[in-house]
């Protein structure tokens, strides 16, 4: 799936941390604040610290 995404011009990432290091903007679709915190700032989150 990642290969197909990259083939179409996307930047494939294998982790949220890698995504955070390659993007200026990250859109998330979550159901509550706890999930937002985990995705952005959790142990394996997208936030660059």
N, C-alpha and C. Protein backbone atom coordinates (compact mmCIF):
# COMPACT_ATOMS: atom_id res chain seq x y z
N UNK A 1 0.81 -1.18 0.00
CA UNK A 1 0.00 0.00 0.00
C UNK A 1 0.86 1.26 0.00
N UNK A 2 1.94 1.28 0.80
CA UNK A 2 2.83 2.44 0.82
C UNK A 2 3.51 2.65 -0.52
N UNK A 3 3.89 1.55 -1.16
CA UNK A 3 4.54 1.66 -2.48
C UNK A 3 3.60 2.27 -3.51
N UNK A 4 2.34 1.87 -3.49
CA UNK A 4 1.36 2.41 -4.43
C UNK A 4 1.14 3.90 -4.16
N UNK A 5 1.10 4.29 -2.90
CA UNK A 5 0.94 5.70 -2.54
C UNK A 5 2.12 6.52 -3.03
N UNK A 6 3.34 6.02 -2.81
CA UNK A 6 4.54 6.72 -3.26
C UNK A 6 4.62 6.78 -4.79
N UNK A 7 4.19 5.72 -5.44
CA UNK A 7 4.21 5.69 -6.90
C UNK A 7 3.32 6.79 -7.49
N UNK A 8 2.26 7.14 -6.78
CA UNK A 8 1.35 8.18 -7.23
C UNK A 8 1.80 9.59 -6.82
N UNK A 9 2.98 9.68 -6.18
CA UNK A 9 3.51 10.99 -5.81
C UNK A 9 3.45 11.32 -4.34
N UNK A 10 2.89 10.42 -3.54
CA UNK A 10 2.82 10.65 -2.10
C UNK A 10 4.16 10.38 -1.43
N UNK A 11 4.30 10.87 -0.23
CA UNK A 11 5.50 10.61 0.57
C UNK A 11 5.11 9.57 1.62
N UNK A 12 5.55 8.35 1.41
CA UNK A 12 5.18 7.24 2.29
C UNK A 12 6.03 7.28 3.56
N UNK A 13 5.38 7.14 4.72
CA UNK A 13 6.07 7.11 6.00
C UNK A 13 5.67 5.84 6.74
N UNK A 14 6.58 5.31 7.51
CA UNK A 14 6.30 4.07 8.24
C UNK A 14 5.97 4.30 9.71
N UNK A 15 6.03 5.57 10.16
CA UNK A 15 5.68 5.87 11.55
C UNK A 15 5.16 7.30 11.64
N UNK A 16 4.47 7.60 12.72
CA UNK A 16 3.99 8.97 12.93
C UNK A 16 5.15 9.93 13.13
N UNK A 17 6.22 9.48 13.79
CA UNK A 17 7.39 10.34 14.00
C UNK A 17 8.02 10.71 12.66
N UNK A 18 8.12 9.75 11.75
CA UNK A 18 8.67 10.03 10.43
C UNK A 18 7.76 11.01 9.68
N UNK A 19 6.47 10.82 9.79
CA UNK A 19 5.52 11.74 9.18
C UNK A 19 5.73 13.16 9.70
N UNK A 20 5.85 13.29 11.01
CA UNK A 20 6.05 14.60 11.62
C UNK A 20 7.32 15.28 11.17
N UNK A 21 8.35 14.49 10.89
CA UNK A 21 9.61 15.07 10.46
C UNK A 21 9.59 15.51 9.00
N UNK A 22 8.62 15.04 8.22
CA UNK A 22 8.57 15.34 6.79
C UNK A 22 7.46 16.32 6.42
N UNK A 23 6.61 16.69 7.36
CA UNK A 23 5.44 17.52 7.03
C UNK A 23 5.40 18.78 7.87
N UNK A 24 4.91 19.84 7.27
CA UNK A 24 4.66 21.08 8.01
C UNK A 24 3.26 21.08 8.60
N UNK A 25 2.34 20.33 7.99
CA UNK A 25 0.95 20.27 8.43
C UNK A 25 0.53 18.81 8.47
N UNK A 26 -0.14 18.41 9.55
CA UNK A 26 -0.67 17.06 9.67
C UNK A 26 -2.16 17.17 10.03
N UNK A 27 -3.02 16.59 9.22
CA UNK A 27 -4.45 16.55 9.50
C UNK A 27 -4.77 15.22 10.14
N UNK A 28 -5.55 15.24 11.19
CA UNK A 28 -5.95 14.00 11.86
C UNK A 28 -7.46 13.90 11.90
N UNK A 29 -7.96 12.68 11.92
CA UNK A 29 -9.38 12.42 12.09
C UNK A 29 -9.48 11.46 13.28
N UNK A 30 -9.84 12.02 14.41
CA UNK A 30 -9.96 11.25 15.65
C UNK A 30 -11.28 11.59 16.32
N UNK A 31 -11.63 10.86 17.36
CA UNK A 31 -12.94 11.06 17.98
C UNK A 31 -12.91 11.88 19.28
N UNK A 32 -11.73 12.07 19.86
CA UNK A 32 -11.70 12.83 21.11
C UNK A 32 -10.30 13.41 21.38
N UNK A 33 -10.22 14.21 22.41
CA UNK A 33 -8.96 14.89 22.75
C UNK A 33 -7.86 13.90 23.13
N UNK A 34 -8.22 12.81 23.78
CA UNK A 34 -7.22 11.82 24.18
C UNK A 34 -6.52 11.22 22.96
N UNK A 35 -7.28 10.93 21.92
CA UNK A 35 -6.68 10.40 20.70
C UNK A 35 -5.80 11.45 20.02
N UNK A 36 -6.23 12.70 20.02
CA UNK A 36 -5.42 13.77 19.46
C UNK A 36 -4.09 13.87 20.18
N UNK A 37 -4.13 13.86 21.49
CA UNK A 37 -2.90 13.91 22.30
C UNK A 37 -1.97 12.75 21.96
N UNK A 38 -2.53 11.54 21.85
CA UNK A 38 -1.72 10.37 21.56
C UNK A 38 -1.08 10.44 20.18
N UNK A 39 -1.86 10.85 19.18
CA UNK A 39 -1.35 10.91 17.81
C UNK A 39 -0.25 11.96 17.68
N UNK A 40 -0.46 13.10 18.30
CA UNK A 40 0.51 14.18 18.14
C UNK A 40 1.66 14.13 19.14
N UNK A 41 1.36 13.81 20.40
CA UNK A 41 2.38 13.95 21.45
C UNK A 41 2.69 12.67 22.21
N UNK A 42 2.09 11.56 21.82
CA UNK A 42 2.35 10.29 22.49
C UNK A 42 3.76 9.79 22.25
N UNK A 43 4.09 8.69 22.86
CA UNK A 43 5.44 8.11 22.79
C UNK A 43 5.90 7.93 21.34
N UNK A 44 5.00 7.55 20.46
CA UNK A 44 5.32 7.37 19.05
C UNK A 44 4.56 8.36 18.19
N UNK A 45 4.28 9.53 18.75
CA UNK A 45 3.48 10.54 18.08
C UNK A 45 4.21 11.29 16.97
N UNK A 46 3.46 12.12 16.27
CA UNK A 46 3.97 12.84 15.11
C UNK A 46 4.78 14.09 15.47
N UNK A 47 4.65 14.56 16.69
CA UNK A 47 5.31 15.80 17.10
C UNK A 47 6.83 15.63 17.16
N UNK A 48 7.52 16.60 16.59
CA UNK A 48 8.98 16.60 16.70
C UNK A 48 9.34 17.34 17.98
N UNK A 49 10.04 16.70 18.84
CA UNK A 49 10.42 17.32 20.12
C UNK A 49 11.86 17.69 20.13
